[in-house]
Amino acid sequence: MEHDILIEFRKTVKQFDDITEEGIDTTAKLHKKYIYKKNEYFSSIEEPSQLMAFVAKGLFRMFFINRKGKEITFGFFGENTFMSSYAGIFLPHYPPCYIQALEDSIIYAIPRTDCIKVWEDKPNMKNVIQKITEHNFVLSRKREYGLMLYDAKTRYLNFMNDYPHYADRVKIQYLASFLGVSRETLSRIRSAPL
């Protein structure tokens, strides 16, 4: 990893566990750099990813396609976040999701098999991966609860509070899908005084 990326990687990992610099550096050395152009897929039904990635630059969206062929945006991964098709990795018989670059992006990724080896050699890294997975699970639950409990305006305000740095980078149809509203409804919410 390049020096400035390694610094951000260390900071992000340390948010999840107090792990040694040696443990972080060992793991960082196993990551390979990948470049994605806008609209390219990190993971798809046809080619599910078995990688666990750190987003160094750019933005991705995770989505599913329902039985009617409609895309449902389920989440976003931006700089200094960990990205994976978690269901595809941890539940191999579960249909994988799509993860698509919304911008030209750079990630550093490690195959799941190498992660397992690191877990065996460095138990603290297993704790980090588990905490990252739990964190992403909580974010998806928060979205699901928001869809059930809050009106569209509150969901939008919560998104703006939680992800202010994504708001101008995400197309309106993807954000509307994430919030469970139509594009027209989201446009009305955005144009009304908050």
Protein backbone atom coordinates (compact mmCIF):
# COMPACT_ATOMS: atom_id res chain seq x y z
CA MET A 1 0.00 0.00 0.00
CA GLU A 2 1.11 3.52 -0.68
CA HIS A 3 2.14 5.44 2.44
CA ASP A 4 -0.85 7.82 2.64
CA ILE A 5 -3.30 4.96 2.00
CA LEU A 6 -1.59 2.87 4.70
CA ILE A 7 -2.04 5.74 7.19
CA GLU A 8 -5.80 5.86 6.46
CA PHE A 9 -6.01 2.05 6.56
CA ARG A 10 -4.35 2.04 10.01
CA LYS A 11 -6.70 4.75 11.32
CA THR A 12 -9.76 2.90 10.05
CA VAL A 13 -8.68 -0.48 11.46
CA LYS A 14 -7.88 1.08 14.85
CA GLN A 15 -11.47 2.37 15.05
CA PHE A 16 -12.54 -1.26 15.38
CA ASP A 17 -9.83 -2.70 17.63
CA ASP A 18 -6.61 -1.71 19.35
CA ILE A 19 -4.36 -3.81 17.17
CA THR A 20 -0.58 -3.56 16.89
CA GLU A 21 1.09 -1.74 14.02
CA GLU A 22 2.79 -5.04 13.13
CA GLY A 23 -0.58 -6.79 12.77
CA ILE A 24 -1.93 -4.00 10.59
CA ASP A 25 1.21 -3.90 8.43
CA THR A 26 1.17 -7.69 7.97
CA THR A 27 -2.42 -7.54 6.77
CA ALA A 28 -1.84 -4.46 4.61
CA LYS A 29 0.97 -6.25 2.74
CA LEU A 30 -1.49 -8.96 1.67
CA HIS A 31 -3.81 -6.43 0.02
CA LYS A 32 -3.57 -5.96 -3.73
CA LYS A 33 -4.48 -2.72 -5.51
CA TYR A 34 -7.48 -2.77 -7.89
CA ILE A 35 -8.74 0.08 -10.05
CA TYR A 36 -12.40 0.33 -11.08
CA LYS A 37 -13.76 2.68 -13.69
CA LYS A 38 -17.17 4.27 -13.13
CA ASN A 39 -19.97 1.68 -13.62
CA GLU A 40 -17.63 -1.35 -13.38
CA TYR A 41 -18.64 -4.12 -10.99
CA PHE A 42 -16.70 -5.23 -7.94
CA SER A 43 -19.22 -8.04 -7.47
CA SER A 44 -22.16 -9.38 -9.48
CA ILE A 45 -24.44 -12.41 -9.67
CA GLU A 46 -22.36 -13.68 -12.59
CA GLU A 47 -19.02 -13.02 -10.88
CA PRO A 48 -19.47 -12.82 -7.09
CA SER A 49 -16.46 -11.34 -5.36
CA GLN A 50 -14.63 -13.29 -2.69
CA LEU A 51 -12.57 -10.24 -1.77
CA MET A 52 -12.63 -8.11 1.34
CA ALA A 53 -11.67 -4.59 0.31
CA PHE A 54 -10.64 -1.24 1.70
CA VAL A 55 -11.90 1.67 -0.41
CA ALA A 56 -9.00 4.08 -0.85
CA LYS A 57 -10.69 6.37 -3.37
CA GLY A 58 -14.13 6.55 -4.92
CA LEU A 59 -17.63 5.38 -4.18
CA PHE A 60 -19.54 2.12 -4.69
CA ARG A 61 -23.17 1.15 -4.28
CA MET A 62 -24.48 -2.25 -3.22
CA PHE A 63 -27.78 -3.35 -4.74
CA PHE A 64 -30.03 -6.29 -5.46
CA ILE A 65 -32.42 -6.86 -8.34
CA ASN A 66 -35.86 -8.04 -7.23
CA ARG A 67 -38.11 -10.51 -9.05
CA LYS A 68 -39.69 -7.68 -11.03
CA GLY A 69 -36.28 -6.58 -12.32
CA LYS A 70 -36.14 -3.45 -10.14
CA GLU A 71 -32.82 -2.44 -8.60
CA ILE A 72 -32.92 -1.91 -4.82
CA THR A 73 -29.95 0.06 -3.49
CA PHE A 74 -28.96 -1.36 -0.13
CA GLY A 75 -25.83 0.55 0.80
CA PHE A 76 -22.83 2.65 -0.17
CA PHE A 77 -19.09 2.27 0.38
CA GLY A 78 -16.88 5.36 0.18
CA GLU A 79 -13.34 6.28 1.12
CA ASN A 80 -11.90 4.65 4.23
CA THR A 81 -14.62 2.02 4.52
CA PHE A 82 -14.41 -1.74 4.23
CA MET A 83 -16.40 -3.32 1.43
CA SER A 84 -17.41 -6.88 0.71
CA SER A 85 -20.27 -8.94 -0.58
CA TYR A 86 -20.72 -10.22 2.97
CA ALA A 87 -23.64 -12.50 2.18
CA GLY A 88 -21.68 -14.04 -0.68
CA ILE A 89 -18.68 -14.66 1.57
CA PHE A 90 -20.34 -15.80 4.76
CA LEU A 91 -23.48 -17.39 3.28
CA PRO A 92 -22.24 -19.12 0.10
CA HIS A 93 -25.70 -20.40 -0.88
CA TYR A 94 -27.24 -16.92 -0.52
CA PRO A 95 -27.52 -15.01 -3.80
CA PRO A 96 -24.73 -12.46 -4.03
CA CYS A 97 -25.45 -8.80 -4.47
CA TYR A 98 -24.14 -6.38 -7.04
CA ILE A 99 -21.51 -3.85 -6.02
CA GLN A 100 -20.87 -1.19 -8.65
CA ALA A 101 -18.42 1.72 -8.82
CA LEU A 102 -20.28 5.05 -8.97
CA GLU A 103 -17.00 6.88 -9.62
CA ASP A 104 -13.54 5.93 -10.81
CA SER A 105 -12.29 4.13 -7.71
CA ILE A 106 -9.27 2.47 -6.12
CA ILE A 107 -9.47 -0.33 -3.59
CA TYR A 108 -7.00 -2.57 -1.79
CA ALA A 109 -8.37 -6.06 -1.37
CA ILE A 110 -7.52 -9.42 0.13
CA PRO A 111 -9.11 -12.78 -0.80
CA ARG A 112 -11.28 -14.40 1.85
CA THR A 113 -8.93 -17.42 1.97
CA ASP A 114 -6.01 -15.14 2.90
CA CYS A 115 -8.21 -13.47 5.56
CA ILE A 116 -8.79 -16.86 7.15
CA LYS A 117 -5.03 -17.51 7.25
CA VAL A 118 -4.46 -14.13 8.90
CA TRP A 119 -7.20 -14.93 11.45
CA GLU A 120 -5.41 -18.15 12.36
CA ASP A 121 -2.00 -16.42 12.71
CA LYS A 122 -3.21 -13.18 14.30
CA PRO A 123 -6.36 -13.63 16.40
CA ASN A 124 -6.72 -9.85 16.89
CA MET A 125 -7.32 -9.50 13.14
CA LYS A 126 -10.23 -11.91 13.42
CA ASN A 127 -11.70 -9.57 16.02
CA VAL A 128 -11.24 -6.63 13.65
CA ILE A 129 -12.96 -8.43 10.76
CA GLN A 130 -15.77 -9.52 13.07
CA LYS A 131 -16.26 -5.96 14.33
CA ILE A 132 -16.25 -4.56 10.77
CA THR A 133 -18.84 -7.15 9.78
CA GLU A 134 -20.95 -6.29 12.83
CA HIS A 135 -20.65 -2.58 12.02
CA ASN A 136 -21.91 -3.14 8.47
CA PHE A 137 -24.71 -5.35 9.80
CA VAL A 138 -25.81 -2.55 12.14
CA LEU A 139 -25.83 -0.07 9.24
CA SER A 140 -28.07 -2.37 7.20
CA ARG A 141 -30.41 -2.90 10.18
CA LYS A 142 -30.56 0.85 10.72
CA ARG A 143 -31.70 1.27 7.11
CA GLU A 144 -34.30 -1.49 7.45
CA TYR A 145 -35.69 -0.05 10.68
CA GLY A 146 -35.79 3.41 9.10
CA LEU A 147 -37.91 2.07 6.25
CA MET A 148 -40.38 0.64 8.75
CA LEU A 149 -40.42 3.37 11.39
CA TYR A 150 -39.82 6.75 9.75
CA ASP A 151 -41.41 8.88 7.09
CA ALA A 152 -39.50 9.72 3.90
CA LYS A 153 -38.29 13.13 5.13
CA THR A 154 -36.87 11.67 8.35
CA ARG A 155 -35.11 8.91 6.40
CA TYR A 156 -33.58 11.54 4.12
CA LEU A 157 -32.45 13.69 7.07
CA ASN A 158 -30.94 10.61 8.75
CA PHE A 159 -29.04 9.81 5.53
CA MET A 160 -27.75 13.39 5.33
CA ASN A 161 -26.63 13.19 8.94
CA ASP A 162 -24.95 9.79 8.56
CA TYR A 163 -23.47 10.24 5.06
CA PRO A 164 -23.15 13.97 4.30
CA HIS A 165 -20.11 13.33 2.09
CA TYR A 166 -22.11 10.99 -0.21
CA ALA A 167 -25.14 13.21 -0.84
CA ASP A 168 -23.81 15.10 -3.88
CA ARG A 169 -22.01 12.05 -5.27
CA VAL A 170 -24.96 9.64 -5.48
CA LYS A 171 -27.45 9.81 -8.36
CA ILE A 172 -30.96 10.71 -7.25
CA GLN A 173 -32.44 7.37 -8.39
CA TYR A 174 -29.93 5.42 -6.26
CA LEU A 175 -30.56 7.58 -3.22
CA ALA A 176 -34.34 7.33 -3.72
CA SER A 177 -34.05 3.53 -3.95
CA PHE A 178 -31.92 3.43 -0.77
CA LEU A 179 -34.53 5.55 1.04
CA GLY A 180 -37.46 3.53 -0.32
CA VAL A 181 -39.10 6.47 -2.11
CA SER A 182 -39.72 7.53 -5.70
CA ARG A 183 -37.42 10.02 -7.43
CA GLU A 184 -40.27 12.53 -7.47
CA THR A 185 -40.82 12.23 -3.72
CA LEU A 186 -37.11 12.65 -3.05
CA SER A 187 -36.99 15.71 -5.33
CA ARG A 188 -39.88 17.27 -3.38
CA ILE A 189 -38.15 16.56 -0.04
CA ARG A 190 -34.89 18.07 -1.27
CA SER A 191 -36.57 21.22 -2.60
CA ALA A 192 -38.68 21.84 0.52
CA PRO A 193 -37.24 23.79 3.45
CA LEU A 194 -35.81 21.36 6.01
